[in-house]
PDB file of N, CA and C in Angstrom:
ATOM      1  N   MET A   1     -11.145 -28.588 -59.345  1.00  0.00           N
ATOM      2  CA  MET A   1     -12.140 -27.896 -60.124  1.00  0.00           C
ATOM      3  C   MET A   1     -12.349 -26.474 -59.609  1.00  0.00           C
ATOM      4  N   TRP A   2     -12.440 -26.293 -58.281  1.00  0.00           N
ATOM      5  CA  TRP A   2     -12.675 -24.956 -57.723  1.00  0.00           C
ATOM      6  C   TRP A   2     -11.534 -24.006 -58.047  1.00  0.00           C
ATOM      7  N   GLN A   3     -10.316 -24.534 -58.084  1.00  0.00           N
ATOM      8  CA  GLN A   3      -9.178 -23.674 -58.416  1.00  0.00           C
ATOM      9  C   GLN A   3      -9.329 -23.102 -59.817  1.00  0.00           C
ATOM     10  N   ARG A   4      -9.784 -23.926 -60.753  1.00  0.00           N
ATOM     11  CA  ARG A   4      -9.979 -23.428 -62.116  1.00  0.00           C
ATOM     12  C   ARG A   4     -11.093 -22.394 -62.157  1.00  0.00           C
ATOM     13  N   LEU A   5     -12.165 -22.645 -61.430  1.00  0.00           N
ATOM     14  CA  LEU A   5     -13.277 -21.697 -61.385  1.00  0.00           C
ATOM     15  C   LEU A   5     -12.828 -20.385 -60.753  1.00  0.00           C
ATOM     16  N   ASN A   6     -12.112 -20.462 -59.642  1.00  0.00           N
ATOM     17  CA  ASN A   6     -11.601 -19.252 -58.999  1.00  0.00           C
ATOM     18  C   ASN A   6     -10.621 -18.519 -59.908  1.00  0.00           C
ATOM     19  N   ALA A   7      -9.775 -19.246 -60.610  1.00  0.00           N
ATOM     20  CA  ALA A   7      -8.817 -18.614 -61.522  1.00  0.00           C
ATOM     21  C   ALA A   7      -9.548 -17.882 -62.633  1.00  0.00           C
ATOM     22  N   ALA A   8     -10.645 -18.457 -63.115  1.00  0.00           N
ATOM     23  CA  ALA A   8     -11.414 -17.798 -64.176  1.00  0.00           C
ATOM     24  C   ALA A   8     -12.013 -16.495 -63.677  1.00  0.00           C
ATOM     25  N   VAL A   9     -12.496 -16.489 -62.448  1.00  0.00           N
ATOM     26  CA  VAL A   9     -13.053 -15.264 -61.873  1.00  0.00           C
ATOM     27  C   VAL A   9     -11.949 -14.227 -61.708  1.00  0.00           C
ATOM     28  N   GLU A  10     -10.817 -14.630 -61.154  1.00  0.00           N
ATOM     29  CA  GLU A  10      -9.711 -13.703 -60.942  1.00  0.00           C
ATOM     30  C   GLU A  10      -9.183 -13.144 -62.258  1.00  0.00           C
ATOM     31  N   ASN A  11      -9.247 -13.930 -63.314  1.00  0.00           N
ATOM     32  CA  ASN A  11      -8.713 -13.483 -64.591  1.00  0.00           C
ATOM     33  C   ASN A  11      -9.536 -12.372 -65.228  1.00  0.00           C
ATOM     34  N   THR A  12     -10.709 -12.076 -64.691  1.00  0.00           N
ATOM     35  CA  THR A  12     -11.479 -10.954 -65.233  1.00  0.00           C
ATOM     36  C   THR A  12     -10.908  -9.629 -64.751  1.00  0.00           C
ATOM     37  N   TRP A  13     -10.089  -9.664 -63.716  1.00  0.00           N
ATOM     38  CA  TRP A  13      -9.504  -8.445 -63.175  1.00  0.00           C
ATOM     39  C   TRP A  13      -8.262  -8.051 -63.955  1.00  0.00           C
ATOM     40  N   THR A  14      -8.035  -6.759 -63.991  1.00  0.00           N
ATOM     41  CA  THR A  14      -6.782  -6.253 -64.544  1.00  0.00           C
ATOM     42  C   THR A  14      -5.659  -6.585 -63.556  1.00  0.00           C
ATOM     43  N   PRO A  15      -4.405  -6.506 -63.981  1.00  0.00           N
ATOM     44  CA  PRO A  15      -3.310  -6.761 -63.037  1.00  0.00           C
ATOM     45  C   PRO A  15      -3.371  -5.852 -61.797  1.00  0.00           C
ATOM     46  N   ALA A  16      -3.766  -4.599 -61.977  1.00  0.00           N
ATOM     47  CA  ALA A  16      -3.848  -3.693 -60.820  1.00  0.00           C
ATOM     48  C   ALA A  16      -4.948  -4.127 -59.863  1.00  0.00           C
ATOM     49  N   HIS A  17      -6.092  -4.521 -60.391  1.00  0.00           N
ATOM     50  CA  HIS A  17      -7.180  -4.985 -59.520  1.00  0.00           C
ATOM     51  C   HIS A  17      -6.813  -6.302 -58.843  1.00  0.00           C
ATOM     52  N   GLN A  18      -6.058  -7.152 -59.534  1.00  0.00           N
ATOM     53  CA  GLN A  18      -5.598  -8.394 -58.909  1.00  0.00           C
ATOM     54  C   GLN A  18      -4.656  -8.077 -57.748  1.00  0.00           C
ATOM     55  N   ALA A  19      -3.772  -7.107 -57.937  1.00  0.00           N
ATOM     56  CA  ALA A  19      -2.868  -6.702 -56.851  1.00  0.00           C
ATOM     57  C   ALA A  19      -3.659  -6.162 -55.667  1.00  0.00           C
ATOM     58  N   VAL A  20      -4.697  -5.381 -55.949  1.00  0.00           N
ATOM     59  CA  VAL A  20      -5.548  -4.852 -54.875  1.00  0.00           C
ATOM     60  C   VAL A  20      -6.235  -5.999 -54.144  1.00  0.00           C
ATOM     61  N   GLU A  21      -6.800  -6.935 -54.888  1.00  0.00           N
ATOM     62  CA  GLU A  21      -7.499  -8.069 -54.275  1.00  0.00           C
ATOM     63  C   GLU A  21      -6.569  -8.863 -53.367  1.00  0.00           C
ATOM     64  N   ASN A  22      -5.317  -8.987 -53.777  1.00  0.00           N
ATOM     65  CA  ASN A  22      -4.325  -9.721 -52.981  1.00  0.00           C
ATOM     66  C   ASN A  22      -3.680  -8.851 -51.909  1.00  0.00           C
ATOM     67  N   GLU A  23      -4.104  -7.585 -51.827  1.00  0.00           N
ATOM     68  CA  GLU A  23      -3.518  -6.604 -50.907  1.00  0.00           C
ATOM     69  C   GLU A  23      -1.994  -6.553 -51.068  1.00  0.00           C
ATOM     70  N   ASP A  24      -1.568  -6.576 -52.320  1.00  0.00           N
ATOM     71  CA  ASP A  24      -0.149  -6.562 -52.675  1.00  0.00           C
ATOM     72  C   ASP A  24       0.243  -5.128 -53.051  1.00  0.00           C
ATOM     73  N   ALA A  25       0.544  -4.337 -52.043  1.00  0.00           N
ATOM     74  CA  ALA A  25       0.839  -2.914 -52.246  1.00  0.00           C
ATOM     75  C   ALA A  25       2.090  -2.703 -53.092  1.00  0.00           C
ATOM     76  N   GLU A  26       3.067  -3.585 -52.973  1.00  0.00           N
ATOM     77  CA  GLU A  26       4.310  -3.431 -53.733  1.00  0.00           C
ATOM     78  C   GLU A  26       4.058  -3.585 -55.235  1.00  0.00           C
ATOM     79  N   THR A  27       3.352  -4.639 -55.614  1.00  0.00           N
ATOM     80  CA  THR A  27       3.031  -4.838 -57.028  1.00  0.00           C
ATOM     81  C   THR A  27       2.144  -3.716 -57.538  1.00  0.00           C
ATOM     82  N   LEU A  28       1.181  -3.306 -56.737  1.00  0.00           N
ATOM     83  CA  LEU A  28       0.299  -2.205 -57.123  1.00  0.00           C
ATOM     84  C   LEU A  28       1.107  -0.940 -57.394  1.00  0.00           C
ATOM     85  N   ALA A  29       2.038  -0.610 -56.526  1.00  0.00           N
ATOM     86  CA  ALA A  29       2.873   0.581 -56.710  1.00  0.00           C
ATOM     87  C   ALA A  29       3.703   0.473 -57.988  1.00  0.00           C
ATOM     88  N   GLN A  30       4.221  -0.711 -58.267  1.00  0.00           N
ATOM     89  CA  GLN A  30       5.000  -0.902 -59.493  1.00  0.00           C
ATOM     90  C   GLN A  30       4.135  -0.674 -60.731  1.00  0.00           C
ATOM     91  N   LEU A  31       2.919  -1.193 -60.714  1.00  0.00           N
ATOM     92  CA  LEU A  31       2.013  -1.017 -61.850  1.00  0.00           C
ATOM     93  C   LEU A  31       1.640   0.452 -62.038  1.00  0.00           C
ATOM     94  N   LEU A  32       1.354   1.127 -60.942  1.00  0.00           N
ATOM     95  CA  LEU A  32       1.003   2.548 -61.021  1.00  0.00           C
ATOM     96  C   LEU A  32       2.191   3.372 -61.514  1.00  0.00           C
ATOM     97  N   ALA A  33       3.389   3.023 -61.071  1.00  0.00           N
ATOM     98  CA  ALA A  33       4.592   3.728 -61.515  1.00  0.00           C
ATOM     99  C   ALA A  33       4.832   3.538 -63.014  1.00  0.00           C
ATOM    100  N   LYS A  34       4.340   2.425 -63.550  1.00  0.00           N
ATOM    101  CA  LYS A  34       4.486   2.157 -64.990  1.00  0.00           C
ATOM    102  C   LYS A  34       3.363   2.799 -65.807  1.00  0.00           C
ATOM    103  N   GLY A  35       2.445   3.497 -65.135  1.00  0.00           N
ATOM    104  CA  GLY A  35       1.433   4.236 -65.881  1.00  0.00           C
ATOM    105  C   GLY A  35       0.004   3.767 -65.777  1.00  0.00           C
ATOM    106  N   VAL A  36      -0.273   2.766 -64.969  1.00  0.00           N
ATOM    107  CA  VAL A  36      -1.665   2.355 -64.789  1.00  0.00           C
ATOM    108  C   VAL A  36      -2.438   3.511 -64.162  1.00  0.00           C
ATOM    109  N   ASP A  37      -3.641   3.748 -64.658  1.00  0.00           N
ATOM    110  CA  ASP A  37      -4.499   4.825 -64.161  1.00  0.00           C
ATOM    111  C   ASP A  37      -4.953   4.496 -62.739  1.00  0.00           C
ATOM    112  N   PRO A  38      -4.673   5.349 -61.746  1.00  0.00           N
ATOM    113  CA  PRO A  38      -5.087   5.063 -60.371  1.00  0.00           C
ATOM    114  C   PRO A  38      -6.609   5.079 -60.195  1.00  0.00           C
ATOM    115  N   ASP A  39      -7.337   5.587 -61.199  1.00  0.00           N
ATOM    116  CA  ASP A  39      -8.802   5.594 -61.152  1.00  0.00           C
ATOM    117  C   ASP A  39      -9.406   4.538 -62.080  1.00  0.00           C
ATOM    118  N   GLU A  40      -8.596   3.558 -62.458  1.00  0.00           N
ATOM    119  CA  GLU A  40      -9.053   2.474 -63.332  1.00  0.00           C
ATOM    120  C   GLU A  40     -10.297   1.806 -62.747  1.00  0.00           C
ATOM    121  N   VAL A  41     -11.222   1.444 -63.624  1.00  0.00           N
ATOM    122  CA  VAL A  41     -12.447   0.758 -63.217  1.00  0.00           C
ATOM    123  C   VAL A  41     -12.459  -0.631 -63.845  1.00  0.00           C
ATOM    124  N   CYS A  42     -12.796  -1.614 -63.032  1.00  0.00           N
ATOM    125  CA  CYS A  42     -12.933  -2.992 -63.494  1.00  0.00           C
ATOM    126  C   CYS A  42     -14.046  -3.630 -62.673  1.00  0.00           C
ATOM    127  N   ASP A  43     -14.936  -4.337 -63.323  1.00  0.00           N
ATOM    128  CA  ASP A  43     -16.074  -4.957 -62.632  1.00  0.00           C
ATOM    129  C   ASP A  43     -16.841  -3.935 -61.793  1.00  0.00           C
ATOM    130  N   ASN A  44     -17.020  -2.754 -62.344  1.00  0.00           N
ATOM    131  CA  ASN A  44     -17.786  -1.666 -61.722  1.00  0.00           C
ATOM    132  C   ASN A  44     -17.175  -1.120 -60.439  1.00  0.00           C
ATOM    133  N   MET A  45     -15.889  -1.386 -60.211  1.00  0.00           N
ATOM    134  CA  MET A  45     -15.216  -0.848 -59.025  1.00  0.00           C
ATOM    135  C   MET A  45     -13.994  -0.050 -59.454  1.00  0.00           C
ATOM    136  N   THR A  46     -13.810   1.105 -58.832  1.00  0.00           N
ATOM    137  CA  THR A  46     -12.545   1.805 -59.011  1.00  0.00           C
ATOM    138  C   THR A  46     -11.497   1.048 -58.200  1.00  0.00           C
ATOM    139  N   LEU A  47     -10.246   1.289 -58.498  1.00  0.00           N
ATOM    140  CA  LEU A  47      -9.193   0.654 -57.704  1.00  0.00           C
ATOM    141  C   LEU A  47      -9.314   1.024 -56.230  1.00  0.00           C
ATOM    142  N   LEU A  48      -9.667   2.283 -55.955  1.00  0.00           N
ATOM    143  CA  LEU A  48      -9.740   2.734 -54.564  1.00  0.00           C
ATOM    144  C   LEU A  48     -10.905   2.088 -53.821  1.00  0.00           C
ATOM    145  N   THR A  49     -12.085   2.012 -54.447  1.00  0.00           N
ATOM    146  CA  THR A  49     -13.201   1.346 -53.763  1.00  0.00           C
ATOM    147  C   THR A  49     -12.900  -0.143 -53.601  1.00  0.00           C
ATOM    148  N   HIS A  50     -12.235  -0.730 -54.580  1.00  0.00           N
ATOM    149  CA  HIS A  50     -11.855  -2.138 -54.477  1.00  0.00           C
ATOM    150  C   HIS A  50     -10.872  -2.340 -53.324  1.00  0.00           C
ATOM    151  N   ALA A  51      -9.906  -1.431 -53.195  1.00  0.00           N
ATOM    152  CA  ALA A  51      -8.914  -1.548 -52.118  1.00  0.00           C
ATOM    153  C   ALA A  51      -9.579  -1.491 -50.748  1.00  0.00           C
ATOM    154  N   ILE A  52     -10.468  -0.538 -50.564  1.00  0.00           N
ATOM    155  CA  ILE A  52     -11.129  -0.399 -49.264  1.00  0.00           C
ATOM    156  C   ILE A  52     -12.017  -1.605 -48.996  1.00  0.00           C
ATOM    157  N   ASP A  53     -12.700  -2.088 -50.027  1.00  0.00           N
ATOM    158  CA  ASP A  53     -13.528  -3.278 -49.877  1.00  0.00           C
ATOM    159  C   ASP A  53     -12.673  -4.498 -49.533  1.00  0.00           C
ATOM    160  N   ALA A  54     -11.554  -4.672 -50.228  1.00  0.00           N
ATOM    161  CA  ALA A  54     -10.677  -5.821 -49.966  1.00  0.00           C
ATOM    162  C   ALA A  54     -10.081  -5.752 -48.562  1.00  0.00           C
ATOM    163  N   GLU A  55      -9.655  -4.565 -48.152  1.00  0.00           N
ATOM    164  CA  GLU A  55      -9.092  -4.406 -46.803  1.00  0.00           C
ATOM    165  C   GLU A  55     -10.149  -4.668 -45.737  1.00  0.00           C
ATOM    166  N   GLY A  56     -11.331  -4.094 -45.923  1.00  0.00           N
ATOM    167  CA  GLY A  56     -12.398  -4.251 -44.931  1.00  0.00           C
ATOM    168  C   GLY A  56     -12.927  -5.662 -44.871  1.00  0.00           C
ATOM    169  N   ASP A  57     -13.241  -6.234 -46.030  1.00  0.00           N
ATOM    170  CA  ASP A  57     -13.784  -7.584 -46.077  1.00  0.00           C
ATOM    171  C   ASP A  57     -12.739  -8.611 -45.652  1.00  0.00           C
ATOM    172  N   GLY A  58     -11.493  -8.377 -46.050  1.00  0.00           N
ATOM    173  CA  GLY A  58     -10.421  -9.287 -45.650  1.00  0.00           C
ATOM    174  C   GLY A  58     -10.261  -9.349 -44.141  1.00  0.00           C
ATOM    175  N   ALA A  59     -10.353  -8.200 -43.491  1.00  0.00           N
ATOM    176  CA  ALA A  59     -10.243  -8.161 -42.029  1.00  0.00           C
ATOM    177  C   ALA A  59     -11.428  -8.866 -41.378  1.00  0.00           C
ATOM    178  N   LEU A  60     -12.623  -8.670 -41.929  1.00  0.00           N
ATOM    179  CA  LEU A  60     -13.806  -9.339 -41.380  1.00  0.00           C
ATOM    180  C   LEU A  60     -13.683 -10.853 -41.501  1.00  0.00           C
ATOM    181  N   GLN A  61     -13.232 -11.315 -42.645  1.00  0.00           N
ATOM    182  CA  GLN A  61     -13.144 -12.754 -42.881  1.00  0.00           C
ATOM    183  C   GLN A  61     -12.014 -13.417 -42.105  1.00  0.00           C
ATOM    184  N   SER A  62     -10.906 -12.720 -41.952  1.00  0.00           N
ATOM    185  CA  SER A  62      -9.731 -13.331 -41.319  1.00  0.00           C
ATOM    186  C   SER A  62      -9.643 -13.070 -39.820  1.00  0.00           C
ATOM    187  N   GLY A  63     -10.328 -12.028 -39.357  1.00  0.00           N
ATOM    188  CA  GLY A  63     -10.211 -11.648 -37.954  1.00  0.00           C
ATOM    189  C   GLY A  63      -8.953 -10.859 -37.653  1.00  0.00           C
ATOM    190  N   ARG A  64      -8.164 -10.576 -38.689  1.00  0.00           N
ATOM    191  CA  ARG A  64      -6.940  -9.792 -38.507  1.00  0.00           C
ATOM    192  C   ARG A  64      -7.271  -8.303 -38.509  1.00  0.00           C
ATOM    193  N   PRO A  65      -6.369  -7.481 -37.994  1.00  0.00           N
ATOM    194  CA  PRO A  65      -6.606  -6.030 -37.991  1.00  0.00           C
ATOM    195  C   PRO A  65      -6.696  -5.473 -39.413  1.00  0.00           C
ATOM    196  N   LEU A  66      -7.438  -4.393 -39.532  1.00  0.00           N
ATOM    197  CA  LEU A  66      -7.539  -3.693 -40.809  1.00  0.00           C
ATOM    198  C   LEU A  66      -6.177  -3.157 -41.227  1.00  0.00           C
ATOM    199  N   THR A  67      -5.911  -3.226 -42.517  1.00  0.00           N
ATOM    200  CA  THR A  67      -4.702  -2.622 -43.069  1.00  0.00           C
ATOM    201  C   THR A  67      -5.123  -1.491 -43.995  1.00  0.00           C
ATOM    202  N   VAL A  68      -4.173  -0.666 -44.375  1.00  0.00           N
ATOM    203  CA  VAL A  68      -4.485   0.478 -45.222  1.00  0.00           C
ATOM    204  C   VAL A  68      -3.439   0.645 -46.330  1.00  0.00           C
ATOM    205  N   HIS A  69      -2.627  -0.366 -46.533  1.00  0.00           N
ATOM    206  CA  HIS A  69      -1.495  -0.257 -47.458  1.00  0.00           C
ATOM    207  C   HIS A  69      -1.913   0.063 -48.892  1.00  0.00           C
ATOM    208  N   THR A  70      -2.850  -0.709 -49.439  1.00  0.00           N
ATOM    209  CA  THR A  70      -3.217  -0.472 -50.841  1.00  0.00           C
ATOM    210  C   THR A  70      -3.961   0.844 -51.005  1.00  0.00           C
ATOM    211  N   THR A  71      -4.779   1.202 -50.030  1.00  0.00           N
ATOM    212  CA  THR A  71      -5.469   2.495 -50.076  1.00  0.00           C
ATOM    213  C   THR A  71      -4.449   3.629 -50.084  1.00  0.00           C
ATOM    214  N   ALA A  72      -3.445   3.541 -49.230  1.00  0.00           N
ATOM    215  CA  ALA A  72      -2.418   4.587 -49.151  1.00  0.00           C
ATOM    216  C   ALA A  72      -1.635   4.697 -50.458  1.00  0.00           C
ATOM    217  N   VAL A  73      -1.299   3.566 -51.058  1.00  0.00           N
ATOM    218  CA  VAL A  73      -0.563   3.581 -52.328  1.00  0.00           C
ATOM    219  C   VAL A  73      -1.396   4.271 -53.403  1.00  0.00           C
ATOM    220  N   LEU A  74      -2.658   3.916 -53.497  1.00  0.00           N
ATOM    221  CA  LEU A  74      -3.520   4.518 -54.522  1.00  0.00           C
ATOM    222  C   LEU A  74      -3.658   6.022 -54.333  1.00  0.00           C
ATOM    223  N   LEU A  75      -3.847   6.452 -53.106  1.00  0.00           N
ATOM    224  CA  LEU A  75      -3.964   7.890 -52.849  1.00  0.00           C
ATOM    225  C   LEU A  75      -2.647   8.603 -53.152  1.00  0.00           C
ATOM    226  N   ALA A  76      -1.536   7.969 -52.839  1.00  0.00           N
ATOM    227  CA  ALA A  76      -0.229   8.570 -53.131  1.00  0.00           C
ATOM    228  C   ALA A  76      -0.010   8.735 -54.635  1.00  0.00           C
ATOM    229  N   PHE A  77      -0.612   7.847 -55.424  1.00  0.00           N
ATOM    230  CA  PHE A  77      -0.483   7.930 -56.878  1.00  0.00           C
ATOM    231  C   PHE A  77      -1.613   8.736 -57.519  1.00  0.00           C
ATOM    232  N   GLY A  78      -2.411   9.411 -56.700  1.00  0.00           N
ATOM    233  CA  GLY A  78      -3.393  10.343 -57.241  1.00  0.00           C
ATOM    234  C   GLY A  78      -4.786   9.821 -57.478  1.00  0.00           C
ATOM    235  N   ALA A  79      -5.151   8.687 -56.890  1.00  0.00           N
ATOM    236  CA  ALA A  79      -6.527   8.202 -57.034  1.00  0.00           C
ATOM    237  C   ALA A  79      -7.490   9.251 -56.478  1.00  0.00           C
ATOM    238  N   ASP A  80      -8.609   9.432 -57.158  1.00  0.00           N
ATOM    239  CA  ASP A  80      -9.614  10.416 -56.751  1.00  0.00           C
ATOM    240  C   ASP A  80     -10.389   9.879 -55.553  1.00  0.00           C
ATOM    241  N   PRO A  81     -10.255  10.483 -54.373  1.00  0.00           N
ATOM    242  CA  PRO A  81     -10.914   9.965 -53.175  1.00  0.00           C
ATOM    243  C   PRO A  81     -12.427  10.175 -53.171  1.00  0.00           C
ATOM    244  N   GLN A  82     -12.941  10.923 -54.141  1.00  0.00           N
ATOM    245  CA  GLN A  82     -14.384  11.182 -54.178  1.00  0.00           C
ATOM    246  C   GLN A  82     -15.070  10.510 -55.359  1.00  0.00           C
ATOM    247  N   LEU A  83     -14.336   9.751 -56.151  1.00  0.00           N
ATOM    248  CA  LEU A  83     -14.895   9.100 -57.330  1.00  0.00           C
ATOM    249  C   LEU A  83     -15.753   7.914 -56.904  1.00  0.00           C
ATOM    250  N   SER A  84     -17.027   7.960 -57.259  1.00  0.00           N
ATOM    251  CA  SER A  84     -17.930   6.878 -56.864  1.00  0.00           C
ATOM    252  C   SER A  84     -17.914   5.766 -57.901  1.00  0.00           C
ATOM    253  N   GLY A  85     -18.299   4.598 -57.451  1.00  0.00           N
ATOM    254  CA  GLY A  85     -18.397   3.451 -58.343  1.00  0.00           C
ATOM    255  C   GLY A  85     -19.735   3.446 -59.057  1.00  0.00           C
ATOM    256  N   ALA A  86     -20.002   2.373 -59.786  1.00  0.00           N
ATOM    257  CA  ALA A  86     -21.213   2.269 -60.599  1.00  0.00           C
ATOM    258  C   ALA A  86     -22.485   2.341 -59.760  1.00  0.00           C
ATOM    259  N   GLU A  87     -22.426   1.879 -58.531  1.00  0.00           N
ATOM    260  CA  GLU A  87     -23.605   1.889 -57.666  1.00  0.00           C
ATOM    261  C   GLU A  87     -23.695   3.162 -56.835  1.00  0.00           C
ATOM    262  N   GLY A  88     -22.814   4.112 -57.095  1.00  0.00           N
ATOM    263  CA  GLY A  88     -22.855   5.390 -56.392  1.00  0.00           C
ATOM    264  C   GLY A  88     -22.103   5.425 -55.079  1.00  0.00           C
ATOM    265  N   GLN A  89     -21.511   4.313 -54.670  1.00  0.00           N
ATOM    266  CA  GLN A  89     -20.754   4.294 -53.416  1.00  0.00           C
ATOM    267  C   GLN A  89     -19.407   4.966 -53.605  1.00  0.00           C
ATOM    268  N   THR A  90     -19.092   5.852 -52.690  1.00  0.00           N
ATOM    269  CA  THR A  90     -17.784   6.497 -52.708  1.00  0.00           C
ATOM    270  C   THR A  90     -16.819   5.678 -51.851  1.00  0.00           C
ATOM    271  N   PRO A  91     -15.528   5.915 -52.000  1.00  0.00           N
ATOM    272  CA  PRO A  91     -14.576   5.255 -51.110  1.00  0.00           C
ATOM    273  C   PRO A  91     -14.900   5.518 -49.633  1.00  0.00           C
ATOM    274  N   MET A  92     -15.333   6.741 -49.320  1.00  0.00           N
ATOM    275  CA  MET A  92     -15.676   7.070 -47.934  1.00  0.00           C
ATOM    276  C   MET A  92     -16.864   6.238 -47.457  1.00  0.00           C
ATOM    277  N   ASP A  93     -17.871   6.061 -48.314  1.00  0.00           N
ATOM    278  CA  ASP A  93     -19.026   5.236 -47.948  1.00  0.00           C
ATOM    279  C   ASP A  93     -18.579   3.838 -47.538  1.00  0.00           C
ATOM    280  N   LEU A  94     -17.698   3.245 -48.326  1.00  0.00           N
ATOM    281  CA  LEU A  94     -17.217   1.896 -48.018  1.00  0.00           C
ATOM    282  C   LEU A  94     -16.375   1.872 -46.750  1.00  0.00           C
ATOM    283  N   ALA A  95     -15.521   2.864 -46.584  1.00  0.00           N
ATOM    284  CA  ALA A  95     -14.674   2.917 -45.386  1.00  0.00           C
ATOM    285  C   ALA A  95     -15.535   3.009 -44.128  1.00  0.00           C
ATOM    286  N   VAL A  96     -16.562   3.831 -44.171  1.00  0.00           N
ATOM    287  CA  VAL A  96     -17.472   3.965 -43.024  1.00  0.00           C
ATOM    288  C   VAL A  96     -18.222   2.651 -42.805  1.00  0.00           C
ATOM    289  N   HIS A  97     -18.687   2.040 -43.881  1.00  0.00           N
ATOM    290  CA  HIS A  97     -19.413   0.764 -43.797  1.00  0.00           C
ATOM    291  C   HIS A  97     -18.594  -0.296 -43.058  1.00  0.00           C
ATOM    292  N   TYR A  98     -17.313  -0.381 -43.365  1.00  0.00           N
ATOM    293  CA  TYR A  98     -16.445  -1.383 -42.742  1.00  0.00           C
ATOM    294  C   TYR A  98     -15.852  -0.923 -41.408  1.00  0.00           C
ATOM    295  N   GLY A  99     -16.148   0.309 -40.989  1.00  0.00           N
ATOM    296  CA  GLY A  99     -15.521   0.810 -39.771  1.00  0.00           C
ATOM    297  C   GLY A  99     -14.015   0.924 -39.938  1.00  0.00           C
ATOM    298  N   HIS A 100     -13.599   1.242 -41.153  1.00  0.00           N
ATOM    299  CA  HIS A 100     -12.178   1.294 -41.523  1.00  0.00           C
ATOM    300  C   HIS A 100     -11.652   2.703 -41.227  1.00  0.00           C
ATOM    301  N   ASP A 101     -11.401   2.961 -39.946  1.00  0.00           N
ATOM    302  CA  ASP A 101     -11.020   4.301 -39.490  1.00  0.00           C
ATOM    303  C   ASP A 101      -9.727   4.810 -40.124  1.00  0.00           C
ATOM    304  N   LEU A 102      -8.773   3.918 -40.360  1.00  0.00           N
ATOM    305  CA  LEU A 102      -7.523   4.341 -41.003  1.00  0.00           C
ATOM    306  C   LEU A 102      -7.794   4.882 -42.406  1.00  0.00           C
ATOM    307  N   ALA A 103      -8.632   4.190 -43.152  1.00  0.00           N
ATOM    308  CA  ALA A 103      -8.975   4.649 -44.501  1.00  0.00           C
ATOM    309  C   ALA A 103      -9.773   5.942 -44.441  1.00  0.00           C
ATOM    310  N   VAL A 104     -10.687   6.055 -43.476  1.00  0.00           N
ATOM    311  CA  VAL A 104     -11.472   7.287 -43.323  1.00  0.00           C
ATOM    312  C   VAL A 104     -10.533   8.471 -43.122  1.00  0.00           C
ATOM    313  N   LYS A 105      -9.556   8.314 -42.240  1.00  0.00           N
ATOM    314  CA  LYS A 105      -8.613   9.414 -41.969  1.00  0.00           C
ATOM    315  C   LYS A 105      -7.794   9.773 -43.206  1.00  0.00           C
ATOM    316  N   LEU A 106      -7.315   8.765 -43.912  1.00  0.00           N
ATOM    317  CA  LEU A 106      -6.551   9.026 -45.138  1.00  0.00           C
ATOM    318  C   LEU A 106      -7.413   9.736 -46.178  1.00  0.00           C
ATOM    319  N   LEU A 107      -8.627   9.257 -46.350  1.00  0.00           N
ATOM    320  CA  LEU A 107      -9.528   9.869 -47.330  1.00  0.00           C
ATOM    321  C   LEU A 107      -9.840  11.309 -46.957  1.00  0.00           C
ATOM    322  N   GLN A 108     -10.132  11.550 -45.681  1.00  0.00           N
ATOM    323  CA  GLN A 108     -10.419  12.923 -45.238  1.00  0.00           C
ATOM    324  C   GLN A 108      -9.247  13.840 -45.545  1.00  0.00           C
ATOM    325  N   ARG A 109      -8.053  13.364 -45.298  1.00  0.00           N
ATOM    326  CA  ARG A 109      -6.853  14.161 -45.551  1.00  0.00           C
ATOM    327  C   ARG A 109      -6.728  14.495 -47.041  1.00  0.00           C
ATOM    328  N   HIS A 110      -7.012  13.537 -47.899  1.00  0.00           N
ATOM    329  CA  HIS A 110      -6.889  13.763 -49.341  1.00  0.00           C
ATOM    330  C   HIS A 110      -8.061  14.564 -49.904  1.00  0.00           C
ATOM    331  N   ILE A 111      -9.225  14.443 -49.306  1.00  0.00           N
ATOM    332  CA  ILE A 111     -10.383  15.213 -49.767  1.00  0.00           C
ATOM    333  C   ILE A 111     -10.201  16.685 -49.437  1.00  0.00           C
ATOM    334  N   SER A 112      -9.607  16.973 -48.293  1.00  0.00           N
ATOM    335  CA  SER A 112      -9.455  18.369 -47.863  1.00  0.00           C
ATOM    336  C   SER A 112      -8.310  19.085 -48.575  1.00  0.00           C
ATOM    337  N   GLU A 113      -7.483  18.355 -49.318  1.00  0.00           N
ATOM    338  CA  GLU A 113      -6.342  18.988 -50.012  1.00  0.00           C
ATOM    339  C   GLU A 113      -6.805  19.815 -51.184  1.00  0.00           C
TER     340      GLU A 113
END
């Protein structure tokens, strides 16, 4: 039963947001290369804020080191590093919240360009 419930929740995401949630940088890059908007919004999250949230929360839950793969892919495809979500949180706000120093450095580099 839980699998069906979880599948229903996951199905509300676009394919790009599903790739971000799964931290699947390869699939995400393929979707972006096919024309998906790197600033796409789904469930009130931009792809970039979703990526930073997934990376940060995933590391907290698993105890594994923070990764930055999906964030890097999105920035490479032109995601706006200053675009805030529906609640006003910017990607930088989330990166700082999670202590995601790798994402902070990447964002700073893209903001200063």
